[in-house]
Amino acid sequence: MSEVRASHLLVKHQGSRRPASWRDPEGAVITKRSKAAALDELEAYREQIESGAVTFADLAAKVSDCSSAKHGGDLGFFGPGKMQKAFEDGAFALQVGEMSGVIDSDSGVHIILRTA
């Protein structure tokens, strides 16, 4: 497989390589969020998606710390070497329609939904 398409929901924390986002441009909240708190937040989001209370895309659009939020978390198609290794490994390991557990990268913690 040369490329996958995936969406993700990113929660940044004080250890993230760039502790700011479109939701928190100055990093006021992110720099105070511990990694443990980010993991708890991400798990709560995953539970909301799994319960059917909200769609992945709708939740990502509201809460993801990645600029892909404006596209419901959609990152489009990407191949090997285009993303951070932990993220890429997680995305390529999923089947289409499958959602990951927590993926930890230099950017923060993610859940990934493989879409193609």
PDB file of N, CA and C in Angstrom:
ATOM      1  N   MET A   1       0.851  -1.171   0.000  1.00  0.00           N
ATOM      2  CA  MET A   1       0.000   0.000   0.000  1.00  0.00           C
ATOM      3  C   MET A   1       0.897   1.235   0.000  1.00  0.00           C
ATOM      4  N   SER A   2       0.673   2.098  -0.960  1.00  0.00           N
ATOM      5  CA  SER A   2       1.563   3.249  -1.078  1.00  0.00           C
ATOM      6  C   SER A   2       1.049   4.480  -0.342  1.00  0.00           C
ATOM      7  N   GLU A   3      -0.268   4.620  -0.232  1.00  0.00           N
ATOM      8  CA  GLU A   3      -0.835   5.767   0.469  1.00  0.00           C
ATOM      9  C   GLU A   3      -2.057   5.350   1.270  1.00  0.00           C
ATOM     10  N   VAL A   4      -2.331   6.115   2.310  1.00  0.00           N
ATOM     11  CA  VAL A   4      -3.560   5.966   3.086  1.00  0.00           C
ATOM     12  C   VAL A   4      -4.193   7.341   3.198  1.00  0.00           C
ATOM     13  N   ARG A   5      -5.464   7.345   3.552  1.00  0.00           N
ATOM     14  CA  ARG A   5      -6.134   8.605   3.871  1.00  0.00           C
ATOM     15  C   ARG A   5      -6.642   8.466   5.290  1.00  0.00           C
ATOM     16  N   ALA A   6      -6.428   9.486   6.075  1.00  0.00           N
ATOM     17  CA  ALA A   6      -6.820   9.415   7.479  1.00  0.00           C
ATOM     18  C   ALA A   6      -7.238  10.784   7.990  1.00  0.00           C
ATOM     19  N   SER A   7      -8.044  10.723   9.025  1.00  0.00           N
ATOM     20  CA  SER A   7      -8.407  11.915   9.788  1.00  0.00           C
ATOM     21  C   SER A   7      -7.870  11.703  11.192  1.00  0.00           C
ATOM     22  N   HIS A   8      -7.658  12.787  11.896  1.00  0.00           N
ATOM     23  CA  HIS A   8      -7.198  12.626  13.278  1.00  0.00           C
ATOM     24  C   HIS A   8      -7.742  13.730  14.153  1.00  0.00           C
ATOM     25  N   LEU A   9      -7.678  13.452  15.435  1.00  0.00           N
ATOM     26  CA  LEU A   9      -8.039  14.425  16.462  1.00  0.00           C
ATOM     27  C   LEU A   9      -6.808  14.527  17.348  1.00  0.00           C
ATOM     28  N   LEU A  10      -6.261  15.713  17.441  1.00  0.00           N
ATOM     29  CA  LEU A  10      -5.021  15.961  18.187  1.00  0.00           C
ATOM     30  C   LEU A  10      -5.308  16.769  19.449  1.00  0.00           C
ATOM     31  N   VAL A  11      -4.746  16.301  20.558  1.00  0.00           N
ATOM     32  CA  VAL A  11      -4.773  17.081  21.805  1.00  0.00           C
ATOM     33  C   VAL A  11      -3.317  17.369  22.173  1.00  0.00           C
ATOM     34  N   LYS A  12      -2.957  18.639  22.140  1.00  0.00           N
ATOM     35  CA  LYS A  12      -1.599  19.039  22.492  1.00  0.00           C
ATOM     36  C   LYS A  12      -1.475  19.199  24.001  1.00  0.00           C
ATOM     37  N   HIS A  13      -0.238  19.127  24.484  1.00  0.00           N
ATOM     38  CA  HIS A  13       0.037  19.284  25.914  1.00  0.00           C
ATOM     39  C   HIS A  13       1.358  20.030  26.079  1.00  0.00           C
ATOM     40  N   GLN A  14       1.738  20.278  27.308  1.00  0.00           N
ATOM     41  CA  GLN A  14       2.932  21.091  27.572  1.00  0.00           C
ATOM     42  C   GLN A  14       4.208  20.501  26.984  1.00  0.00           C
ATOM     43  N   GLY A  15       4.240  19.219  26.685  1.00  0.00           N
ATOM     44  CA  GLY A  15       5.413  18.597  26.087  1.00  0.00           C
ATOM     45  C   GLY A  15       5.384  18.556  24.564  1.00  0.00           C
ATOM     46  N   SER A  16       4.329  19.086  23.963  1.00  0.00           N
ATOM     47  CA  SER A  16       4.215  19.088  22.504  1.00  0.00           C
ATOM     48  C   SER A  16       5.291  19.979  21.893  1.00  0.00           C
ATOM     49  N   ARG A  17       5.757  19.589  20.713  1.00  0.00           N
ATOM     50  CA  ARG A  17       6.859  20.345  20.093  1.00  0.00           C
ATOM     51  C   ARG A  17       6.477  21.784  19.773  1.00  0.00           C
ATOM     52  N   ARG A  18       5.218  22.046  19.522  1.00  0.00           N
ATOM     53  CA  ARG A  18       4.741  23.415  19.310  1.00  0.00           C
ATOM     54  C   ARG A  18       3.480  23.590  20.158  1.00  0.00           C
ATOM     55  N   PRO A  19       3.633  24.040  21.405  1.00  0.00           N
ATOM     56  CA  PRO A  19       2.495  24.099  22.327  1.00  0.00           C
ATOM     57  C   PRO A  19       1.563  25.300  22.094  1.00  0.00           C
ATOM     58  N   ALA A  20       1.023  25.356  20.883  1.00  0.00           N
ATOM     59  CA  ALA A  20       0.021  26.361  20.520  1.00  0.00           C
ATOM     60  C   ALA A  20      -0.791  25.763  19.373  1.00  0.00           C
ATOM     61  N   SER A  21      -1.970  26.308  19.128  1.00  0.00           N
ATOM     62  CA  SER A  21      -2.798  25.793  18.042  1.00  0.00           C
ATOM     63  C   SER A  21      -3.773  26.870  17.591  1.00  0.00           C
ATOM     64  N   TRP A  22      -4.560  26.554  16.583  1.00  0.00           N
ATOM     65  CA  TRP A  22      -5.567  27.500  16.106  1.00  0.00           C
ATOM     66  C   TRP A  22      -6.565  27.831  17.210  1.00  0.00           C
ATOM     67  N   ARG A  23      -6.805  26.894  18.112  1.00  0.00           N
ATOM     68  CA  ARG A  23      -7.738  27.125  19.221  1.00  0.00           C
ATOM     69  C   ARG A  23      -7.098  27.900  20.358  1.00  0.00           C
ATOM     70  N   ASP A  24      -5.781  27.832  20.441  1.00  0.00           N
ATOM     71  CA  ASP A  24      -5.029  28.427  21.556  1.00  0.00           C
ATOM     72  C   ASP A  24      -3.728  29.018  20.997  1.00  0.00           C
ATOM     73  N   PRO A  25      -3.843  30.093  20.204  1.00  0.00           N
ATOM     74  CA  PRO A  25      -2.674  30.635  19.495  1.00  0.00           C
ATOM     75  C   PRO A  25      -1.493  31.016  20.384  1.00  0.00           C
ATOM     76  N   GLU A  26      -1.776  31.451  21.605  1.00  0.00           N
ATOM     77  CA  GLU A  26      -0.704  31.841  22.520  1.00  0.00           C
ATOM     78  C   GLU A  26      -0.228  30.669  23.376  1.00  0.00           C
ATOM     79  N   GLY A  27      -0.937  29.558  23.313  1.00  0.00           N
ATOM     80  CA  GLY A  27      -0.557  28.392  24.101  1.00  0.00           C
ATOM     81  C   GLY A  27      -0.902  28.505  25.575  1.00  0.00           C
ATOM     82  N   ALA A  28      -1.799  29.424  25.916  1.00  0.00           N
ATOM     83  CA  ALA A  28      -2.142  29.651  27.328  1.00  0.00           C
ATOM     84  C   ALA A  28      -2.708  28.401  27.996  1.00  0.00           C
ATOM     85  N   VAL A  29      -3.539  27.663  27.294  1.00  0.00           N
ATOM     86  CA  VAL A  29      -4.134  26.445  27.855  1.00  0.00           C
ATOM     87  C   VAL A  29      -3.198  25.257  27.656  1.00  0.00           C
ATOM     88  N   ILE A  30      -2.659  25.135  26.449  1.00  0.00           N
ATOM     89  CA  ILE A  30      -1.817  23.976  26.117  1.00  0.00           C
ATOM     90  C   ILE A  30      -0.596  23.888  27.025  1.00  0.00           C
ATOM     91  N   THR A  31       0.050  25.003  27.309  1.00  0.00           N
ATOM     92  CA  THR A  31       1.264  24.965  28.132  1.00  0.00           C
ATOM     93  C   THR A  31       0.970  24.585  29.581  1.00  0.00           C
ATOM     94  N   LYS A  32      -0.292  24.633  29.971  1.00  0.00           N
ATOM     95  CA  LYS A  32      -0.680  24.225  31.332  1.00  0.00           C
ATOM     96  C   LYS A  32      -1.227  22.802  31.369  1.00  0.00           C
ATOM     97  N   ARG A  33      -1.502  22.202  30.181  1.00  0.00           N
ATOM     98  CA  ARG A  33      -2.101  20.868  30.123  1.00  0.00           C
ATOM     99  C   ARG A  33      -1.003  19.809  30.203  1.00  0.00           C
ATOM    100  N   SER A  34      -1.076  18.966  31.220  1.00  0.00           N
ATOM    101  CA  SER A  34      -0.107  17.871  31.340  1.00  0.00           C
ATOM    102  C   SER A  34      -0.420  16.805  30.284  1.00  0.00           C
ATOM    103  N   LYS A  35       0.548  15.956  30.039  1.00  0.00           N
ATOM    104  CA  LYS A  35       0.322  14.856  29.101  1.00  0.00           C
ATOM    105  C   LYS A  35      -0.787  13.946  29.627  1.00  0.00           C
ATOM    106  N   ALA A  36      -0.814  13.704  30.931  1.00  0.00           N
ATOM    107  CA  ALA A  36      -1.858  12.860  31.528  1.00  0.00           C
ATOM    108  C   ALA A  36      -3.244  13.472  31.309  1.00  0.00           C
ATOM    109  N   ALA A  37      -3.351  14.779  31.459  1.00  0.00           N
ATOM    110  CA  ALA A  37      -4.630  15.457  31.235  1.00  0.00           C
ATOM    111  C   ALA A  37      -5.032  15.368  29.764  1.00  0.00           C
ATOM    112  N   ALA A  38      -4.052  15.502  28.868  1.00  0.00           N
ATOM    113  CA  ALA A  38      -4.333  15.383  27.433  1.00  0.00           C
ATOM    114  C   ALA A  38      -4.832  13.976  27.100  1.00  0.00           C
ATOM    115  N   LEU A  39      -4.216  12.971  27.708  1.00  0.00           N
ATOM    116  CA  LEU A  39      -4.651  11.585  27.490  1.00  0.00           C
ATOM    117  C   LEU A  39      -6.076  11.383  27.995  1.00  0.00           C
ATOM    118  N   ASP A  40      -6.390  11.911  29.161  1.00  0.00           N
ATOM    119  CA  ASP A  40      -7.743  11.797  29.707  1.00  0.00           C
ATOM    120  C   ASP A  40      -8.757  12.462  28.781  1.00  0.00           C
ATOM    121  N   GLU A  41      -8.405  13.637  28.287  1.00  0.00           N
ATOM    122  CA  GLU A  41      -9.288  14.378  27.379  1.00  0.00           C
ATOM    123  C   GLU A  41      -9.514  13.572  26.093  1.00  0.00           C
ATOM    124  N   LEU A  42      -8.431  13.035  25.553  1.00  0.00           N
ATOM    125  CA  LEU A  42      -8.518  12.265  24.316  1.00  0.00           C
ATOM    126  C   LEU A  42      -9.366  11.005  24.507  1.00  0.00           C
ATOM    127  N   GLU A  43      -9.198  10.323  25.624  1.00  0.00           N
ATOM    128  CA  GLU A  43      -9.998   9.118  25.901  1.00  0.00           C
ATOM    129  C   GLU A  43     -11.477   9.474  25.997  1.00  0.00           C
ATOM    130  N   ALA A  44     -11.794  10.615  26.606  1.00  0.00           N
ATOM    131  CA  ALA A  44     -13.191  11.054  26.704  1.00  0.00           C
ATOM    132  C   ALA A  44     -13.764  11.315  25.307  1.00  0.00           C
ATOM    133  N   TYR A  45     -12.958  11.911  24.437  1.00  0.00           N
ATOM    134  CA  TYR A  45     -13.403  12.154  23.060  1.00  0.00           C
ATOM    135  C   TYR A  45     -13.650  10.829  22.340  1.00  0.00           C
ATOM    136  N   ARG A  46     -12.745   9.885  22.529  1.00  0.00           N
ATOM    137  CA  ARG A  46     -12.883   8.574  21.879  1.00  0.00           C
ATOM    138  C   ARG A  46     -14.180   7.899  22.320  1.00  0.00           C
ATOM    139  N   GLU A  47     -14.482   7.988  23.605  1.00  0.00           N
ATOM    140  CA  GLU A  47     -15.716   7.391  24.139  1.00  0.00           C
ATOM    141  C   GLU A  47     -16.953   8.051  23.534  1.00  0.00           C
ATOM    142  N   GLN A  48     -16.906   9.367  23.364  1.00  0.00           N
ATOM    143  CA  GLN A  48     -18.047  10.079  22.752  1.00  0.00           C
ATOM    144  C   GLN A  48     -18.278   9.596  21.321  1.00  0.00           C
ATOM    145  N   ILE A  49     -17.189   9.408  20.579  1.00  0.00           N
ATOM    146  CA  ILE A  49     -17.300   8.938  19.193  1.00  0.00           C
ATOM    147  C   ILE A  49     -17.836   7.510  19.170  1.00  0.00           C
ATOM    148  N   GLU A  50     -17.252   6.645  19.991  1.00  0.00           N
ATOM    149  CA  GLU A  50     -17.665   5.241  20.016  1.00  0.00           C
ATOM    150  C   GLU A  50     -19.120   5.072  20.444  1.00  0.00           C
ATOM    151  N   SER A  51     -19.603   5.947  21.319  1.00  0.00           N
ATOM    152  CA  SER A  51     -20.983   5.842  21.803  1.00  0.00           C
ATOM    153  C   SER A  51     -21.988   6.326  20.757  1.00  0.00           C
ATOM    154  N   GLY A  52     -21.498   7.014  19.730  1.00  0.00           N
ATOM    155  CA  GLY A  52     -22.383   7.552  18.708  1.00  0.00           C
ATOM    156  C   GLY A  52     -22.939   8.921  19.054  1.00  0.00           C
ATOM    157  N   ALA A  53     -22.478   9.495  20.158  1.00  0.00           N
ATOM    158  CA  ALA A  53     -22.961  10.813  20.583  1.00  0.00           C
ATOM    159  C   ALA A  53     -22.553  11.915  19.609  1.00  0.00           C
ATOM    160  N   VAL A  54     -21.453  11.684  18.898  1.00  0.00           N
ATOM    161  CA  VAL A  54     -20.928  12.683  17.965  1.00  0.00           C
ATOM    162  C   VAL A  54     -20.103  11.947  16.904  1.00  0.00           C
ATOM    163  N   THR A  55     -20.024  12.529  15.712  1.00  0.00           N
ATOM    164  CA  THR A  55     -19.180  11.913  14.685  1.00  0.00           C
ATOM    165  C   THR A  55     -17.735  12.353  14.884  1.00  0.00           C
ATOM    166  N   PHE A  56     -16.826  11.541  14.368  1.00  0.00           N
ATOM    167  CA  PHE A  56     -15.396  11.864  14.438  1.00  0.00           C
ATOM    168  C   PHE A  56     -15.154  13.249  13.844  1.00  0.00           C
ATOM    169  N   ALA A  57     -15.686  13.481  12.634  1.00  0.00           N
ATOM    170  CA  ALA A  57     -15.431  14.749  11.932  1.00  0.00           C
ATOM    171  C   ALA A  57     -15.983  15.943  12.699  1.00  0.00           C
ATOM    172  N   ASP A  58     -17.197  15.806  13.245  1.00  0.00           N
ATOM    173  CA  ASP A  58     -17.783  16.935  13.982  1.00  0.00           C
ATOM    174  C   ASP A  58     -16.976  17.262  15.230  1.00  0.00           C
ATOM    175  N   LEU A  59     -16.542  16.225  15.948  1.00  0.00           N
ATOM    176  CA  LEU A  59     -15.769  16.464  17.162  1.00  0.00           C
ATOM    177  C   LEU A  59     -14.392  17.030  16.824  1.00  0.00           C
ATOM    178  N   ALA A  60     -13.741  16.464  15.818  1.00  0.00           N
ATOM    179  CA  ALA A  60     -12.419  16.972  15.414  1.00  0.00           C
ATOM    180  C   ALA A  60     -12.506  18.448  15.018  1.00  0.00           C
ATOM    181  N   ALA A  61     -13.576  18.809  14.328  1.00  0.00           N
ATOM    182  CA  ALA A  61     -13.742  20.203  13.887  1.00  0.00           C
ATOM    183  C   ALA A  61     -13.835  21.161  15.066  1.00  0.00           C
ATOM    184  N   LYS A  62     -14.343  20.676  16.189  1.00  0.00           N
ATOM    185  CA  LYS A  62     -14.526  21.535  17.363  1.00  0.00           C
ATOM    186  C   LYS A  62     -13.333  21.535  18.302  1.00  0.00           C
ATOM    187  N   VAL A  63     -12.673  20.375  18.476  1.00  0.00           N
ATOM    188  CA  VAL A  63     -11.710  20.272  19.572  1.00  0.00           C
ATOM    189  C   VAL A  63     -10.279  19.935  19.175  1.00  0.00           C
ATOM    190  N   SER A  64     -10.030  19.533  17.934  1.00  0.00           N
ATOM    191  CA  SER A  64      -8.669  19.140  17.567  1.00  0.00           C
ATOM    192  C   SER A  64      -7.738  20.341  17.557  1.00  0.00           C
ATOM    193  N   ASP A  65      -6.529  20.133  18.055  1.00  0.00           N
ATOM    194  CA  ASP A  65      -5.523  21.194  18.070  1.00  0.00           C
ATOM    195  C   ASP A  65      -4.743  21.278  16.759  1.00  0.00           C
ATOM    196  N   CYS A  66      -5.158  20.532  15.756  1.00  0.00           N
ATOM    197  CA  CYS A  66      -4.501  20.584  14.440  1.00  0.00           C
ATOM    198  C   CYS A  66      -5.322  21.478  13.512  1.00  0.00           C
ATOM    199  N   SER A  67      -4.658  22.154  12.597  1.00  0.00           N
ATOM    200  CA  SER A  67      -5.377  23.003  11.643  1.00  0.00           C
ATOM    201  C   SER A  67      -6.266  22.172  10.717  1.00  0.00           C
ATOM    202  N   SER A  68      -6.058  20.855  10.654  1.00  0.00           N
ATOM    203  CA  SER A  68      -6.945  19.994   9.860  1.00  0.00           C
ATOM    204  C   SER A  68      -8.358  19.977  10.440  1.00  0.00           C
ATOM    205  N   ALA A  69      -8.549  20.539  11.617  1.00  0.00           N
ATOM    206  CA  ALA A  69      -9.875  20.604  12.235  1.00  0.00           C
ATOM    207  C   ALA A  69     -10.877  21.254  11.282  1.00  0.00           C
ATOM    208  N   LYS A  70     -10.416  22.237  10.514  1.00  0.00           N
ATOM    209  CA  LYS A  70     -11.340  22.917   9.609  1.00  0.00           C
ATOM    210  C   LYS A  70     -11.872  21.985   8.522  1.00  0.00           C
ATOM    211  N   HIS A  71     -11.247  20.807   8.384  1.00  0.00           N
ATOM    212  CA  HIS A  71     -11.693  19.779   7.435  1.00  0.00           C
ATOM    213  C   HIS A  71     -12.186  18.536   8.178  1.00  0.00           C
ATOM    214  N   GLY A  72     -12.632  18.719   9.411  1.00  0.00           N
ATOM    215  CA  GLY A  72     -13.100  17.592  10.209  1.00  0.00           C
ATOM    216  C   GLY A  72     -11.986  16.626  10.573  1.00  0.00           C
ATOM    217  N   GLY A  73     -10.756  17.123  10.585  1.00  0.00           N
ATOM    218  CA  GLY A  73      -9.596  16.305  10.928  1.00  0.00           C
ATOM    219  C   GLY A  73      -8.972  15.594   9.742  1.00  0.00           C
ATOM    220  N   ASP A  74      -9.548  15.759   8.551  1.00  0.00           N
ATOM    221  CA  ASP A  74      -9.058  15.053   7.359  1.00  0.00           C
ATOM    222  C   ASP A  74      -7.685  15.562   6.936  1.00  0.00           C
ATOM    223  N   LEU A  75      -6.739  14.634   6.844  1.00  0.00           N
ATOM    224  CA  LEU A  75      -5.380  14.964   6.411  1.00  0.00           C
ATOM    225  C   LEU A  75      -5.153  14.655   4.939  1.00  0.00           C
ATOM    226  N   GLY A  76      -6.147  14.080   4.280  1.00  0.00           N
ATOM    227  CA  GLY A  76      -5.999  13.689   2.887  1.00  0.00           C
ATOM    228  C   GLY A  76      -5.138  12.441   2.776  1.00  0.00           C
ATOM    229  N   PHE A  77      -4.695  12.160   1.566  1.00  0.00           N
ATOM    230  CA  PHE A  77      -3.844  10.993   1.309  1.00  0.00           C
ATOM    231  C   PHE A  77      -2.396  11.330   1.631  1.00  0.00           C
ATOM    232  N   PHE A  78      -1.691  10.364   2.194  1.00  0.00           N
ATOM    233  CA  PHE A  78      -0.259  10.534   2.430  1.00  0.00           C
ATOM    234  C   PHE A  78       0.419   9.179   2.367  1.00  0.00           C
ATOM    235  N   GLY A  79       1.683   9.228   1.999  1.00  0.00           N
ATOM    236  CA  GLY A  79       2.479   8.015   1.884  1.00  0.00           C
ATOM    237  C   GLY A  79       3.563   7.963   2.937  1.00  0.00           C
ATOM    238  N   PRO A  80       4.356   6.923   2.878  1.00  0.00           N
ATOM    239  CA  PRO A  80       5.455   6.767   3.835  1.00  0.00           C
ATOM    240  C   PRO A  80       6.396   7.979   3.827  1.00  0.00           C
ATOM    241  N   GLY A  81       6.835   8.370   5.013  1.00  0.00           N
ATOM    242  CA  GLY A  81       7.794   9.460   5.141  1.00  0.00           C
ATOM    243  C   GLY A  81       7.177  10.846   5.170  1.00  0.00           C
ATOM    244  N   LYS A  82       5.856  10.944   5.113  1.00  0.00           N
ATOM    245  CA  LYS A  82       5.205  12.257   5.080  1.00  0.00           C
ATOM    246  C   LYS A  82       4.754  12.748   6.454  1.00  0.00           C
ATOM    247  N   MET A  83       4.618  11.819   7.402  1.00  0.00           N
ATOM    248  CA  MET A  83       4.156  12.167   8.744  1.00  0.00           C
ATOM    249  C   MET A  83       5.191  11.707   9.766  1.00  0.00           C
ATOM    250  N   GLN A  84       5.035  12.149  11.007  1.00  0.00           N
ATOM    251  CA  GLN A  84       5.906  11.656  12.067  1.00  0.00           C
ATOM    252  C   GLN A  84       5.745  10.131  12.153  1.00  0.00           C
ATOM    253  N   LYS A  85       6.834   9.437  12.436  1.00  0.00           N
ATOM    254  CA  LYS A  85       6.847   7.975  12.380  1.00  0.00           C
ATOM    255  C   LYS A  85       5.746   7.321  13.216  1.00  0.00           C
ATOM    256  N   ALA A  86       5.563   7.740  14.455  1.00  0.00           N
ATOM    257  CA  ALA A  86       4.543   7.124  15.313  1.00  0.00           C
ATOM    258  C   ALA A  86       3.154   7.291  14.702  1.00  0.00           C
ATOM    259  N   PHE A  87       2.890   8.460  14.157  1.00  0.00           N
ATOM    260  CA  PHE A  87       1.595   8.731  13.544  1.00  0.00           C
ATOM    261  C   PHE A  87       1.430   7.890  12.283  1.00  0.00           C
ATOM    262  N   GLU A  88       2.440   7.893  11.457  1.00  0.00           N
ATOM    263  CA  GLU A  88       2.400   7.129  10.210  1.00  0.00           C
ATOM    264  C   GLU A  88       2.213   5.639  10.482  1.00  0.00           C
ATOM    265  N   ASP A  89       2.974   5.105  11.428  1.00  0.00           N
ATOM    266  CA  ASP A  89       2.844   3.689  11.774  1.00  0.00           C
ATOM    267  C   ASP A  89       1.425   3.378  12.229  1.00  0.00           C
ATOM    268  N   GLY A  90       0.848   4.258  13.037  1.00  0.00           N
ATOM    269  CA  GLY A  90      -0.519   4.059  13.511  1.00  0.00           C
ATOM    270  C   GLY A  90      -1.529   4.088  12.388  1.00  0.00           C
ATOM    271  N   ALA A  91      -1.388   5.042  11.476  1.00  0.00           N
ATOM    272  CA  ALA A  91      -2.338   5.175  10.368  1.00  0.00           C
ATOM    273  C   ALA A  91      -2.256   3.984   9.420  1.00  0.00           C
ATOM    274  N   PHE A  92      -1.050   3.562   9.085  1.00  0.00           N
ATOM    275  CA  PHE A  92      -0.875   2.453   8.143  1.00  0.00           C
ATOM    276  C   PHE A  92      -1.300   1.110   8.747  1.00  0.00           C
ATOM    277  N   ALA A  93      -1.329   1.008  10.068  1.00  0.00           N
ATOM    278  CA  ALA A  93      -1.719  -0.245  10.725  1.00  0.00           C
ATOM    279  C   ALA A  93      -3.239  -0.442  10.759  1.00  0.00           C
ATOM    280  N   LEU A  94      -3.993   0.621  10.523  1.00  0.00           N
ATOM    281  CA  LEU A  94      -5.453   0.545  10.600  1.00  0.00           C
ATOM    282  C   LEU A  94      -6.070   0.029   9.308  1.00  0.00           C
ATOM    283  N   GLN A  95      -7.221  -0.595   9.445  1.00  0.00           N
ATOM    284  CA  GLN A  95      -8.047  -0.950   8.297  1.00  0.00           C
ATOM    285  C   GLN A  95      -8.947   0.253   7.995  1.00  0.00           C
ATOM    286  N   VAL A  96      -9.438   0.353   6.766  1.00  0.00           N
ATOM    287  CA  VAL A  96     -10.355   1.439   6.416  1.00  0.00           C
ATOM    288  C   VAL A  96     -11.575   1.366   7.329  1.00  0.00           C
ATOM    289  N   GLY A  97     -11.923   2.507   7.922  1.00  0.00           N
ATOM    290  CA  GLY A  97     -13.056   2.588   8.837  1.00  0.00           C
ATOM    291  C   GLY A  97     -12.704   2.330  10.288  1.00  0.00           C
ATOM    292  N   GLU A  98     -11.468   1.927  10.548  1.00  0.00           N
ATOM    293  CA  GLU A  98     -11.034   1.614  11.912  1.00  0.00           C
ATOM    294  C   GLU A  98     -10.454   2.856  12.588  1.00  0.00           C
ATOM    295  N   MET A  99     -10.723   2.964  13.896  1.00  0.00           N
ATOM    296  CA  MET A  99     -10.199   4.070  14.697  1.00  0.00           C
ATOM    297  C   MET A  99      -9.117   3.535  15.627  1.00  0.00           C
ATOM    298  N   SER A 100      -8.053   4.278  15.753  1.00  0.00           N
ATOM    299  CA  SER A 100      -6.914   3.859  16.581  1.00  0.00           C
ATOM    300  C   SER A 100      -7.188   4.067  18.063  1.00  0.00           C
ATOM    301  N   GLY A 101      -6.319   3.496  18.845  1.00  0.00           N
ATOM    302  CA  GLY A 101      -6.209   3.872  20.241  1.00  0.00           C
ATOM    303  C   GLY A 101      -5.380   5.146  20.285  1.00  0.00           C
ATOM    304  N   VAL A 102      -4.815   5.442  21.413  1.00  0.00           N
ATOM    305  CA  VAL A 102      -3.995   6.646  21.549  1.00  0.00           C
ATOM    306  C   VAL A 102      -2.679   6.475  20.794  1.00  0.00           C
ATOM    307  N   ILE A 103      -2.350   7.451  19.980  1.00  0.00           N
ATOM    308  CA  ILE A 103      -1.068   7.513  19.276  1.00  0.00           C
ATOM    309  C   ILE A 103      -0.328   8.719  19.848  1.00  0.00           C
ATOM    310  N   ASP A 104       0.862   8.483  20.348  1.00  0.00           N
ATOM    311  CA  ASP A 104       1.670   9.528  20.977  1.00  0.00           C
ATOM    312  C   ASP A 104       2.751   9.955  19.997  1.00  0.00           C
ATOM    313  N   SER A 105       2.785  11.239  19.650  1.00  0.00           N
ATOM    314  CA  SER A 105       3.819  11.757  18.746  1.00  0.00           C
ATOM    315  C   SER A 105       4.416  13.023  19.344  1.00  0.00           C
ATOM    316  N   ASP A 106       5.393  13.578  18.661  1.00  0.00           N
ATOM    317  CA  ASP A 106       6.006  14.827  19.124  1.00  0.00           C
ATOM    318  C   ASP A 106       5.004  15.982  19.135  1.00  0.00           C
ATOM    319  N   SER A 107       3.931  15.858  18.355  1.00  0.00           N
ATOM    320  CA  SER A 107       2.928  16.926  18.292  1.00  0.00           C
ATOM    321  C   SER A 107       1.955  16.891  19.456  1.00  0.00           C
ATOM    322  N   GLY A 108       1.753  15.709  20.025  1.00  0.00           N
ATOM    323  CA  GLY A 108       0.786  15.538  21.111  1.00  0.00           C
ATOM    324  C   GLY A 108       0.215  14.134  21.046  1.00  0.00           C
ATOM    325  N   VAL A 109      -1.021  13.969  21.520  1.00  0.00           N
ATOM    326  CA  VAL A 109      -1.663  12.666  21.482  1.00  0.00           C
ATOM    327  C   VAL A 109      -2.825  12.732  20.494  1.00  0.00           C
ATOM    328  N   HIS A 110      -3.002  11.650  19.745  1.00  0.00           N
ATOM    329  CA  HIS A 110      -3.990  11.616  18.672  1.00  0.00           C
ATOM    330  C   HIS A 110      -4.858  10.371  18.769  1.00  0.00           C
ATOM    331  N   ILE A 111      -6.032  10.458  18.141  1.00  0.00           N
ATOM    332  CA  ILE A 111      -6.740   9.273  17.690  1.00  0.00           C
ATOM    333  C   ILE A 111      -6.866   9.458  16.184  1.00  0.00           C
ATOM    334  N   ILE A 112      -6.713   8.364  15.478  1.00  0.00           N
ATOM    335  CA  ILE A 112      -6.702   8.398  14.021  1.00  0.00           C
ATOM    336  C   ILE A 112      -7.853   7.553  13.510  1.00  0.00           C
ATOM    337  N   LEU A 113      -8.524   8.049  12.490  1.00  0.00           N
ATOM    338  CA  LEU A 113      -9.559   7.307  11.783  1.00  0.00           C
ATOM    339  C   LEU A 113      -9.086   7.111  10.355  1.00  0.00           C
ATOM    340  N   ARG A 114      -8.877   5.856   9.973  1.00  0.00           N
ATOM    341  CA  ARG A 114      -8.450   5.551   8.595  1.00  0.00           C
ATOM    342  C   ARG A 114      -9.680   5.628   7.699  1.00  0.00           C
ATOM    343  N   THR A 115      -9.614   6.457   6.678  1.00  0.00           N
ATOM    344  CA  THR A 115     -10.779   6.679   5.812  1.00  0.00           C
ATOM    345  C   THR A 115     -10.616   6.104   4.415  1.00  0.00           C
ATOM    346  N   ALA A 116      -9.415   5.797   3.987  1.00  0.00           N
ATOM    347  CA  ALA A 116      -9.199   5.166   2.669  1.00  0.00           C
ATOM    348  C   ALA A 116      -7.809   4.547   2.633  1.00  0.00           C
TER     349      ALA A 116
END
